[in-house]
C-alpha cells in the first residue's frame, strides 16, 4: 500500500516515475518552484487539513495547478497542496534565518517599516550587502540574523534549544508554532542533515538504534512522538502536554507518556 504523504499522485496527475505503478489520467515531470511566503501550510487536500508546513525558499516540484491550489512534492519527499499564489520561480538561496525570527525592513534602518516576519530556517537570496543589513528581494534583513547556506549549524541539539518556548502547533514547522517532528526537522535541516517530515518516518530513517547511556543529540521515539536529548537525563520536545517546546527529565517523560496511554518508548536512535 502506498503512503499518500510520499506518493506524488492524485488520480488526475502523477509523477512521471510512477507510470505503471499508480493510476492517473496524466503523468508529468513537474515544474520546479519555491515557496514565496514566510510560512505555508502543506495540506492533505485543497483547503484541507494541514499535514506539515513549508518555509520561505523551500523547493517544491509542482505537478498540478488547479483552482488556485498546487499539488506539490517538497524536497523531503512530502506531498500535498499549497495555495498557488504562495509559489514563485526558483531561486538559489544564499542565506537562511539563523535566529528564532527576524524581520525584513523597507530600508536599511530598524525604524523603517517592517515588511515581513521571517521564521528560523527561512531561505533567502542576498542581493547586496550593506553595513548592518543584507538586501534581499523581500527587504533589508539584519546581517546578524542570517547565516550562509554553506555554513550550517554543527549541533542539532543547539538548534532544538533555540526553539525552547515556541508554542505547540500540530503539523507546525516554524518558530510561530511547531510540533514534535517539526522540531526535529528544523534541528537537523539547519545542520544540513536530511530529515523526513513525520515522526514515524524519522524513526524509520534516522540514525542507529542504541541502548543506554543516552547522550546529547540522541532521538527518543514513541508511537506518534519524538524528542531529542540535550544531555543524558534531559529531553527537549514540542508536546501538547506543555503546549510548547519544553525540557523534561527523560524518566519523567517516559512515565508520563506511558501513564497517559501513549505507550512506551519504541526506539532510541543516535545520528
C-alpha atoms as a PDB file:
ATOM      1  CA  UNK A   1       0.000   0.000   0.000  1.00  0.00           C
ATOM      2  CA  UNK A   2       1.407   3.387  -0.982  1.00  0.00           C
ATOM      3  CA  UNK A   3       1.832   6.171   1.550  1.00  0.00           C
ATOM      4  CA  UNK A   4      -0.125   9.169   0.260  1.00  0.00           C
ATOM      5  CA  UNK A   5       2.244  11.502   2.139  1.00  0.00           C
ATOM      6  CA  UNK A   6       5.109  10.362  -0.090  1.00  0.00           C
ATOM      7  CA  UNK A   7       3.326   9.447  -3.327  1.00  0.00           C
ATOM      8  CA  UNK A   8       3.005  12.297  -5.865  1.00  0.00           C
ATOM      9  CA  UNK A   9      -0.247  11.072  -7.422  1.00  0.00           C
ATOM     10  CA  UNK A  10      -3.830  12.239  -7.002  1.00  0.00           C
ATOM     11  CA  UNK A  11      -5.714  10.385  -9.736  1.00  0.00           C
ATOM     12  CA  UNK A  12      -5.634  13.288 -12.181  1.00  0.00           C
ATOM     13  CA  UNK A  13      -1.850  13.591 -12.318  1.00  0.00           C
ATOM     14  CA  UNK A  14       1.137  11.640 -11.093  1.00  0.00           C
ATOM     15  CA  UNK A  15       4.886  11.977 -11.262  1.00  0.00           C
ATOM     16  CA  UNK A  16       6.422  10.527 -14.386  1.00  0.00           C
ATOM     17  CA  UNK A  17       8.411   7.914 -12.476  1.00  0.00           C
ATOM     18  CA  UNK A  18       5.157   6.395 -11.163  1.00  0.00           C
ATOM     19  CA  UNK A  19       3.922   5.368 -14.619  1.00  0.00           C
ATOM     20  CA  UNK A  20       2.843   1.756 -14.441  1.00  0.00           C
ATOM     21  CA  UNK A  21       2.687   1.851 -10.640  1.00  0.00           C
ATOM     22  CA  UNK A  22      -0.364   4.044  -9.968  1.00  0.00           C
ATOM     23  CA  UNK A  23      -3.496   5.036 -11.871  1.00  0.00           C
ATOM     24  CA  UNK A  24      -3.583   8.606 -13.207  1.00  0.00           C
ATOM     25  CA  UNK A  25      -5.045  10.434 -16.190  1.00  0.00           C
ATOM     26  CA  UNK A  26      -1.676  12.061 -16.899  1.00  0.00           C
ATOM     27  CA  UNK A  27       1.937  11.510 -15.901  1.00  0.00           C
ATOM     28  CA  UNK A  28       4.061  14.649 -15.730  1.00  0.00           C
ATOM     29  CA  UNK A  29       7.637  15.609 -14.905  1.00  0.00           C
ATOM     30  CA  UNK A  30       6.553  18.585 -12.809  1.00  0.00           C
ATOM     31  CA  UNK A  31       7.913  22.114 -12.579  1.00  0.00           C
ATOM     32  CA  UNK A  32      10.459  23.309 -10.036  1.00  0.00           C
ATOM     33  CA  UNK A  33       9.313  26.253  -7.908  1.00  0.00           C
ATOM     34  CA  UNK A  34       9.895  27.726  -4.453  1.00  0.00           C
ATOM     35  CA  UNK A  35       7.738  28.943  -1.591  1.00  0.00           C
ATOM     36  CA  UNK A  36       7.304  32.703  -1.723  1.00  0.00           C
ATOM     37  CA  UNK A  37       5.601  33.240   1.657  1.00  0.00           C
ATOM     38  CA  UNK A  38       7.140  33.107   5.148  1.00  0.00           C
ATOM     39  CA  UNK A  39       5.142  30.034   6.221  1.00  0.00           C
ATOM     40  CA  UNK A  40       2.740  27.982   4.114  1.00  0.00           C
ATOM     41  CA  UNK A  41       0.590  25.030   5.186  1.00  0.00           C
ATOM     42  CA  UNK A  42       1.108  21.841   3.200  1.00  0.00           C
ATOM     43  CA  UNK A  43      -2.407  20.425   3.150  1.00  0.00           C
ATOM     44  CA  UNK A  44      -3.731  16.899   2.671  1.00  0.00           C
ATOM     45  CA  UNK A  45      -6.253  18.223   0.114  1.00  0.00           C
ATOM     46  CA  UNK A  46      -7.066  21.626  -1.414  1.00  0.00           C
ATOM     47  CA  UNK A  47      -8.121  23.876   1.505  1.00  0.00           C
ATOM     48  CA  UNK A  48      -7.927  20.755   3.671  1.00  0.00           C
ATOM     49  CA  UNK A  49      -6.209  19.886   6.908  1.00  0.00           C
ATOM     50  CA  UNK A  50      -2.584  20.827   7.480  1.00  0.00           C
ATOM     51  CA  UNK A  51      -0.129  17.931   7.286  1.00  0.00           C
ATOM     52  CA  UNK A  52       3.064  19.970   7.605  1.00  0.00           C
ATOM     53  CA  UNK A  53       4.382  23.450   6.827  1.00  0.00           C
ATOM     54  CA  UNK A  54       6.893  24.795   4.316  1.00  0.00           C
ATOM     55  CA  UNK A  55       9.011  27.908   4.837  1.00  0.00           C
ATOM     56  CA  UNK A  56      10.105  30.717   2.562  1.00  0.00           C
ATOM     57  CA  UNK A  57      12.539  29.491  -0.084  1.00  0.00           C
ATOM     58  CA  UNK A  58      11.618  25.808   0.228  1.00  0.00           C
ATOM     59  CA  UNK A  59      11.971  23.894  -3.045  1.00  0.00           C
ATOM     60  CA  UNK A  60       8.941  22.059  -4.417  1.00  0.00           C
ATOM     61  CA  UNK A  61       8.033  20.189  -7.571  1.00  0.00           C
ATOM     62  CA  UNK A  62       4.610  21.246  -8.875  1.00  0.00           C
ATOM     63  CA  UNK A  63       2.610  18.541 -10.649  1.00  0.00           C
ATOM     64  CA  UNK A  64      -0.722  20.359 -10.972  1.00  0.00           C
ATOM     65  CA  UNK A  65      -2.186  23.840 -10.590  1.00  0.00           C
ATOM     66  CA  UNK A  66      -5.980  23.630 -10.318  1.00  0.00           C
ATOM     67  CA  UNK A  67      -8.459  26.136  -8.891  1.00  0.00           C
ATOM     68  CA  UNK A  68      -5.735  28.158  -7.157  1.00  0.00           C
ATOM     69  CA  UNK A  69      -4.209  25.123  -5.432  1.00  0.00           C
ATOM     70  CA  UNK A  70      -0.989  23.428  -6.476  1.00  0.00           C
ATOM     71  CA  UNK A  71      -0.265  19.735  -5.945  1.00  0.00           C
ATOM     72  CA  UNK A  72       3.394  19.552  -4.937  1.00  0.00           C
ATOM     73  CA  UNK A  73       6.167  17.416  -3.547  1.00  0.00           C
ATOM     74  CA  UNK A  74       8.627  19.052  -1.172  1.00  0.00           C
ATOM     75  CA  UNK A  75      12.347  18.370  -1.194  1.00  0.00           C
ATOM     76  CA  UNK A  76      11.979  15.944   1.739  1.00  0.00           C
ATOM     77  CA  UNK A  77       9.510  13.902  -0.329  1.00  0.00           C
ATOM     78  CA  UNK A  78       6.328  15.054   1.456  1.00  0.00           C
ATOM     79  CA  UNK A  79       3.355  15.526  -0.860  1.00  0.00           C
ATOM     80  CA  UNK A  80       0.389  17.851  -0.523  1.00  0.00           C
ATOM     81  CA  UNK A  81      -1.356  21.021  -1.633  1.00  0.00           C
ATOM     82  CA  UNK A  82      -0.333  24.652  -1.215  1.00  0.00           C
ATOM     83  CA  UNK A  83      -2.021  27.848  -2.430  1.00  0.00           C
ATOM     84  CA  UNK A  84      -0.701  28.559  -5.914  1.00  0.00           C
ATOM     85  CA  UNK A  85      -0.141  32.218  -5.024  1.00  0.00           C
ATOM     86  CA  UNK A  86       2.465  31.098  -2.477  1.00  0.00           C
ATOM     87  CA  UNK A  87       4.765  29.791  -5.242  1.00  0.00           C
ATOM     88  CA  UNK A  88       7.362  31.565  -7.361  1.00  0.00           C
ATOM     89  CA  UNK A  89      10.096  30.825  -9.857  1.00  0.00           C
ATOM     90  CA  UNK A  90      13.156  29.015  -8.492  1.00  0.00           C
ATOM     91  CA  UNK A  91      15.937  30.937  -6.795  1.00  0.00           C
ATOM     92  CA  UNK A  92      19.350  29.983  -5.474  1.00  0.00           C
ATOM     93  CA  UNK A  93      19.202  30.848  -1.764  1.00  0.00           C
ATOM     94  CA  UNK A  94      22.422  32.165  -0.286  1.00  0.00           C
ATOM     95  CA  UNK A  95      21.425  32.507   3.382  1.00  0.00           C
ATOM     96  CA  UNK A  96      18.921  31.233   5.909  1.00  0.00           C
ATOM     97  CA  UNK A  97      17.419  32.812   9.013  1.00  0.00           C
ATOM     98  CA  UNK A  98      19.558  31.608  11.922  1.00  0.00           C
ATOM     99  CA  UNK A  99      17.753  33.344  14.795  1.00  0.00           C
ATOM    100  CA  UNK A 100      14.374  32.490  16.301  1.00  0.00           C
ATOM    101  CA  UNK A 101      12.867  35.035  13.903  1.00  0.00           C
ATOM    102  CA  UNK A 102      13.701  38.253  12.116  1.00  0.00           C
ATOM    103  CA  UNK A 103      12.074  40.969  10.042  1.00  0.00           C
ATOM    104  CA  UNK A 104      12.581  42.264   6.542  1.00  0.00           C
ATOM    105  CA  UNK A 105      12.549  46.069   6.596  1.00  0.00           C
ATOM    106  CA  UNK A 106      11.668  48.620   3.949  1.00  0.00           C
ATOM    107  CA  UNK A 107      15.048  50.313   4.291  1.00  0.00           C
ATOM    108  CA  UNK A 108      18.401  49.620   5.941  1.00  0.00           C
ATOM    109  CA  UNK A 109      17.057  51.167   9.128  1.00  0.00           C
ATOM    110  CA  UNK A 110      15.467  49.311  12.029  1.00  0.00           C
ATOM    111  CA  UNK A 111      13.000  52.186  12.424  1.00  0.00           C
ATOM    112  CA  UNK A 112      11.714  51.747   8.882  1.00  0.00           C
ATOM    113  CA  UNK A 113       8.549  49.814   8.127  1.00  0.00           C
ATOM    114  CA  UNK A 114       8.809  46.096   8.771  1.00  0.00           C
ATOM    115  CA  UNK A 115       7.521  44.303   5.688  1.00  0.00           C
ATOM    116  CA  UNK A 116       7.621  40.654   6.696  1.00  0.00           C
ATOM    117  CA  UNK A 117       8.339  38.470   9.730  1.00  0.00           C
ATOM    118  CA  UNK A 118      10.615  35.588   8.838  1.00  0.00           C
ATOM    119  CA  UNK A 119      10.908  32.403  10.932  1.00  0.00           C
ATOM    120  CA  UNK A 120      14.049  30.427  11.713  1.00  0.00           C
ATOM    121  CA  UNK A 121      15.049  28.379   8.667  1.00  0.00           C
ATOM    122  CA  UNK A 122      13.510  30.622   6.019  1.00  0.00           C
ATOM    123  CA  UNK A 123      15.834  30.726   2.995  1.00  0.00           C
ATOM    124  CA  UNK A 124      16.689  33.957   1.187  1.00  0.00           C
ATOM    125  CA  UNK A 125      18.787  35.203  -1.682  1.00  0.00           C
ATOM    126  CA  UNK A 126      21.020  38.094  -0.630  1.00  0.00           C
ATOM    127  CA  UNK A 127      21.437  40.550  -3.491  1.00  0.00           C
ATOM    128  CA  UNK A 128      23.555  43.191  -1.774  1.00  0.00           C
ATOM    129  CA  UNK A 129      25.472  43.707   1.458  1.00  0.00           C
ATOM    130  CA  UNK A 130      25.214  46.955   3.404  1.00  0.00           C
ATOM    131  CA  UNK A 131      26.890  47.980   6.668  1.00  0.00           C
ATOM    132  CA  UNK A 132      24.392  46.346   9.040  1.00  0.00           C
ATOM    133  CA  UNK A 133      21.831  44.812   6.711  1.00  0.00           C
ATOM    134  CA  UNK A 134      21.603  42.392   3.813  1.00  0.00           C
ATOM    135  CA  UNK A 135      19.361  43.433   0.953  1.00  0.00           C
ATOM    136  CA  UNK A 136      17.000  40.682  -0.227  1.00  0.00           C
ATOM    137  CA  UNK A 137      14.033  40.625  -2.631  1.00  0.00           C
ATOM    138  CA  UNK A 138      11.777  40.870   0.454  1.00  0.00           C
ATOM    139  CA  UNK A 139      13.505  43.806   2.114  1.00  0.00           C
ATOM    140  CA  UNK A 140      16.510  44.552   4.304  1.00  0.00           C
ATOM    141  CA  UNK A 141      17.366  41.923   6.929  1.00  0.00           C
ATOM    142  CA  UNK A 142      19.817  42.428   9.824  1.00  0.00           C
ATOM    143  CA  UNK A 143      23.112  40.798   8.894  1.00  0.00           C
ATOM    144  CA  UNK A 144      23.484  39.103  12.262  1.00  0.00           C
ATOM    145  CA  UNK A 145      20.211  37.232  11.757  1.00  0.00           C
ATOM    146  CA  UNK A 146      21.266  35.404   8.595  1.00  0.00           C
ATOM    147  CA  UNK A 147      23.728  32.583   8.048  1.00  0.00           C
ATOM    148  CA  UNK A 148      25.259  31.458   4.779  1.00  0.00           C
ATOM    149  CA  UNK A 149      23.798  28.294   3.294  1.00  0.00           C
ATOM    150  CA  UNK A 150      27.303  26.810   3.143  1.00  0.00           C
ATOM    151  CA  UNK A 151      27.749  27.355   6.905  1.00  0.00           C
ATOM    152  CA  UNK A 152      25.156  25.109   8.529  1.00  0.00           C
ATOM    153  CA  UNK A 153      24.942  24.631  12.277  1.00  0.00           C
ATOM    154  CA  UNK A 154      27.021  21.778  13.670  1.00  0.00           C
ATOM    155  CA  UNK A 155      24.869  20.615  16.617  1.00  0.00           C
ATOM    156  CA  UNK A 156      21.180  19.719  16.159  1.00  0.00           C
ATOM    157  CA  UNK A 157      20.563  19.936  19.915  1.00  0.00           C
ATOM    158  CA  UNK A 158      21.683  23.561  19.908  1.00  0.00           C
ATOM    159  CA  UNK A 159      19.089  24.320  17.247  1.00  0.00           C
ATOM    160  CA  UNK A 160      16.401  22.437  19.183  1.00  0.00           C
ATOM    161  CA  UNK A 161      17.218  24.519  22.265  1.00  0.00           C
ATOM    162  CA  UNK A 162      16.781  27.706  20.246  1.00  0.00           C
ATOM    163  CA  UNK A 163      13.129  26.644  19.934  1.00  0.00           C
ATOM    164  CA  UNK A 164      12.552  26.478  23.703  1.00  0.00           C
ATOM    165  CA  UNK A 165       9.191  28.050  24.500  1.00  0.00           C
ATOM    166  CA  UNK A 166       7.881  28.009  20.920  1.00  0.00           C
ATOM    167  CA  UNK A 167       4.154  27.229  21.143  1.00  0.00           C
ATOM    168  CA  UNK A 168       2.976  23.780  20.148  1.00  0.00           C
ATOM    169  CA  UNK A 169       1.146  23.550  16.823  1.00  0.00           C
ATOM    170  CA  UNK A 170       0.063  20.261  15.264  1.00  0.00           C
ATOM    171  CA  UNK A 171       1.809  19.981  11.893  1.00  0.00           C
ATOM    172  CA  UNK A 172       3.871  23.102  12.598  1.00  0.00           C
ATOM    173  CA  UNK A 173       7.396  23.544  11.268  1.00  0.00           C
ATOM    174  CA  UNK A 174       8.147  27.117  12.296  1.00  0.00           C
ATOM    175  CA  UNK A 175       9.019  29.249  15.282  1.00  0.00           C
ATOM    176  CA  UNK A 176       5.458  30.612  15.115  1.00  0.00           C
ATOM    177  CA  UNK A 177       4.322  27.128  16.173  1.00  0.00           C
ATOM    178  CA  UNK A 178       5.895  23.694  15.960  1.00  0.00           C
ATOM    179  CA  UNK A 179       5.192  20.045  16.738  1.00  0.00           C
ATOM    180  CA  UNK A 180       7.473  17.198  17.760  1.00  0.00           C
ATOM    181  CA  UNK A 181       8.580  16.115  14.298  1.00  0.00           C
ATOM    182  CA  UNK A 182       8.762  19.732  13.131  1.00  0.00           C
ATOM    183  CA  UNK A 183      11.295  20.410  15.886  1.00  0.00           C
ATOM    184  CA  UNK A 184      13.456  17.510  14.718  1.00  0.00           C
ATOM    185  CA  UNK A 185      13.153  18.628  11.090  1.00  0.00           C
ATOM    186  CA  UNK A 186      14.169  22.201  11.960  1.00  0.00           C
ATOM    187  CA  UNK A 187      17.095  20.987  14.067  1.00  0.00           C
ATOM    188  CA  UNK A 188      18.514  18.577  11.507  1.00  0.00           C
ATOM    189  CA  UNK A 189      17.833  20.689   8.418  1.00  0.00           C
ATOM    190  CA  UNK A 190      19.741  23.613   9.933  1.00  0.00           C
ATOM    191  CA  UNK A 191      22.706  21.224  10.266  1.00  0.00           C
ATOM    192  CA  UNK A 192      22.371  20.090   6.619  1.00  0.00           C
ATOM    193  CA  UNK A 193      21.159  16.638   7.738  1.00  0.00           C
ATOM    194  CA  UNK A 194      18.323  15.299   5.537  1.00  0.00           C
ATOM    195  CA  UNK A 195      15.195  14.661   7.583  1.00  0.00           C
ATOM    196  CA  UNK A 196      11.742  13.306   6.674  1.00  0.00           C
ATOM    197  CA  UNK A 197       8.650  15.147   7.849  1.00  0.00           C
ATOM    198  CA  UNK A 198       6.748  12.951  10.316  1.00  0.00           C
ATOM    199  CA  UNK A 199       7.909  11.115  13.423  1.00  0.00           C
ATOM    200  CA  UNK A 200       7.156   7.635  12.059  1.00  0.00           C
ATOM    201  CA  UNK A 201       9.300   8.373   9.002  1.00  0.00           C
ATOM    202  CA  UNK A 202      12.029   9.824  11.215  1.00  0.00           C
ATOM    203  CA  UNK A 203      12.012   6.723  13.402  1.00  0.00           C
ATOM    204  CA  UNK A 204      12.387   4.514  10.341  1.00  0.00           C
ATOM    205  CA  UNK A 205      15.038   6.537   8.503  1.00  0.00           C
ATOM    206  CA  UNK A 206      17.188   8.407  11.030  1.00  0.00           C
ATOM    207  CA  UNK A 207      20.173   7.171  12.985  1.00  0.00           C
ATOM    208  CA  UNK A 208      21.185   3.868  14.508  1.00  0.00           C
ATOM    209  CA  UNK A 209      19.475   2.027  17.356  1.00  0.00           C
ATOM    210  CA  UNK A 210      21.205   2.498  20.705  1.00  0.00           C
ATOM    211  CA  UNK A 211      20.754   1.491  24.319  1.00  0.00           C
ATOM    212  CA  UNK A 212      21.996   3.289  27.416  1.00  0.00           C
ATOM    213  CA  UNK A 213      23.554   5.643  28.329  1.00  0.00           C
ATOM    214  CA  UNK A 214      21.900   8.386  26.319  1.00  0.00           C
ATOM    215  CA  UNK A 215      23.861  11.362  25.023  1.00  0.00           C
ATOM    216  CA  UNK A 216      23.242  14.844  23.648  1.00  0.00           C
ATOM    217  CA  UNK A 217      21.543  14.722  20.252  1.00  0.00           C
ATOM    218  CA  UNK A 218      20.032  11.241  20.653  1.00  0.00           C
ATOM    219  CA  UNK A 219      16.445  10.864  19.415  1.00  0.00           C
ATOM    220  CA  UNK A 220      13.767   9.191  21.553  1.00  0.00           C
ATOM    221  CA  UNK A 221      10.685   7.840  19.798  1.00  0.00           C
ATOM    222  CA  UNK A 222       7.248   6.883  20.986  1.00  0.00           C
ATOM    223  CA  UNK A 223       4.403   5.907  18.673  1.00  0.00           C
ATOM    224  CA  UNK A 224       3.478   9.282  17.194  1.00  0.00           C
ATOM    225  CA  UNK A 225       6.023  11.307  19.146  1.00  0.00           C
ATOM    226  CA  UNK A 226       9.725  12.182  19.152  1.00  0.00           C
ATOM    227  CA  UNK A 227      12.112  14.249  21.244  1.00  0.00           C
ATOM    228  CA  UNK A 228      15.831  14.982  21.415  1.00  0.00           C
ATOM    229  CA  UNK A 229      18.213  14.616  24.341  1.00  0.00           C
ATOM    230  CA  UNK A 230      20.169  17.711  25.403  1.00  0.00           C
ATOM    231  CA  UNK A 231      22.156  15.667  27.928  1.00  0.00           C
ATOM    232  CA  UNK A 232      21.978  12.162  29.369  1.00  0.00           C
ATOM    233  CA  UNK A 233      18.952  12.966  31.553  1.00  0.00           C
ATOM    234  CA  UNK A 234      17.059  15.780  29.791  1.00  0.00           C
ATOM    235  CA  UNK A 235      14.719  15.676  26.807  1.00  0.00           C
ATOM    236  CA  UNK A 236      13.612  18.644  24.743  1.00  0.00           C
ATOM    237  CA  UNK A 237      10.408  18.135  22.788  1.00  0.00           C
ATOM    238  CA  UNK A 238       7.483  20.043  21.344  1.00  0.00           C
ATOM    239  CA  UNK A 239       4.472  18.498  23.027  1.00  0.00           C
ATOM    240  CA  UNK A 240       0.801  19.012  23.722  1.00  0.00           C
ATOM    241  CA  UNK A 241       1.193  18.410  27.475  1.00  0.00           C
ATOM    242  CA  UNK A 242       3.152  21.647  27.864  1.00  0.00           C
ATOM    243  CA  UNK A 243       1.668  23.151  24.654  1.00  0.00           C
ATOM    244  CA  UNK A 244       5.208  24.309  23.922  1.00  0.00           C
ATOM    245  CA  UNK A 245       8.729  23.176  23.227  1.00  0.00           C
ATOM    246  CA  UNK A 246       9.869  22.241  26.709  1.00  0.00           C
ATOM    247  CA  UNK A 247      12.563  20.467  28.698  1.00  0.00           C
ATOM    248  CA  UNK A 248      11.562  17.386  30.654  1.00  0.00           C
ATOM    249  CA  UNK A 249      13.577  14.784  32.575  1.00  0.00           C
ATOM    250  CA  UNK A 250      13.607  11.718  30.342  1.00  0.00           C
ATOM    251  CA  UNK A 251      12.489   9.335  33.111  1.00  0.00           C
ATOM    252  CA  UNK A 252       9.556  11.604  33.954  1.00  0.00           C
ATOM    253  CA  UNK A 253       8.616  11.947  30.264  1.00  0.00           C
ATOM    254  CA  UNK A 254       8.659   8.167  29.775  1.00  0.00           C
ATOM    255  CA  UNK A 255       6.442   7.620  32.826  1.00  0.00           C
ATOM    256  CA  UNK A 256       4.035  10.443  31.959  1.00  0.00           C
ATOM    257  CA  UNK A 257       3.605   9.447  28.321  1.00  0.00           C
ATOM    258  CA  UNK A 258       3.024   5.805  29.300  1.00  0.00           C
ATOM    259  CA  UNK A 259       0.526   6.834  32.002  1.00  0.00           C
ATOM    260  CA  UNK A 260      -1.497   8.981  29.617  1.00  0.00           C
ATOM    261  CA  UNK A 261      -1.966   5.978  27.339  1.00  0.00           C
ATOM    262  CA  UNK A 262       0.513   6.729  24.558  1.00  0.00           C
ATOM    263  CA  UNK A 263       2.700   3.700  25.160  1.00  0.00           C
ATOM    264  CA  UNK A 264       6.368   3.016  25.822  1.00  0.00           C
ATOM    265  CA  UNK A 265       9.485   4.226  24.059  1.00  0.00           C
ATOM    266  CA  UNK A 266       9.742   2.336  20.767  1.00  0.00           C
ATOM    267  CA  UNK A 267      13.232   3.419  19.677  1.00  0.00           C
ATOM    268  CA  UNK A 268      16.336   5.262  20.768  1.00  0.00           C
ATOM    269  CA  UNK A 269      18.429   6.500  17.852  1.00  0.00           C
ATOM    270  CA  UNK A 270      21.841   8.129  17.526  1.00  0.00           C
ATOM    271  CA  UNK A 271      22.556  10.226  14.442  1.00  0.00           C
END
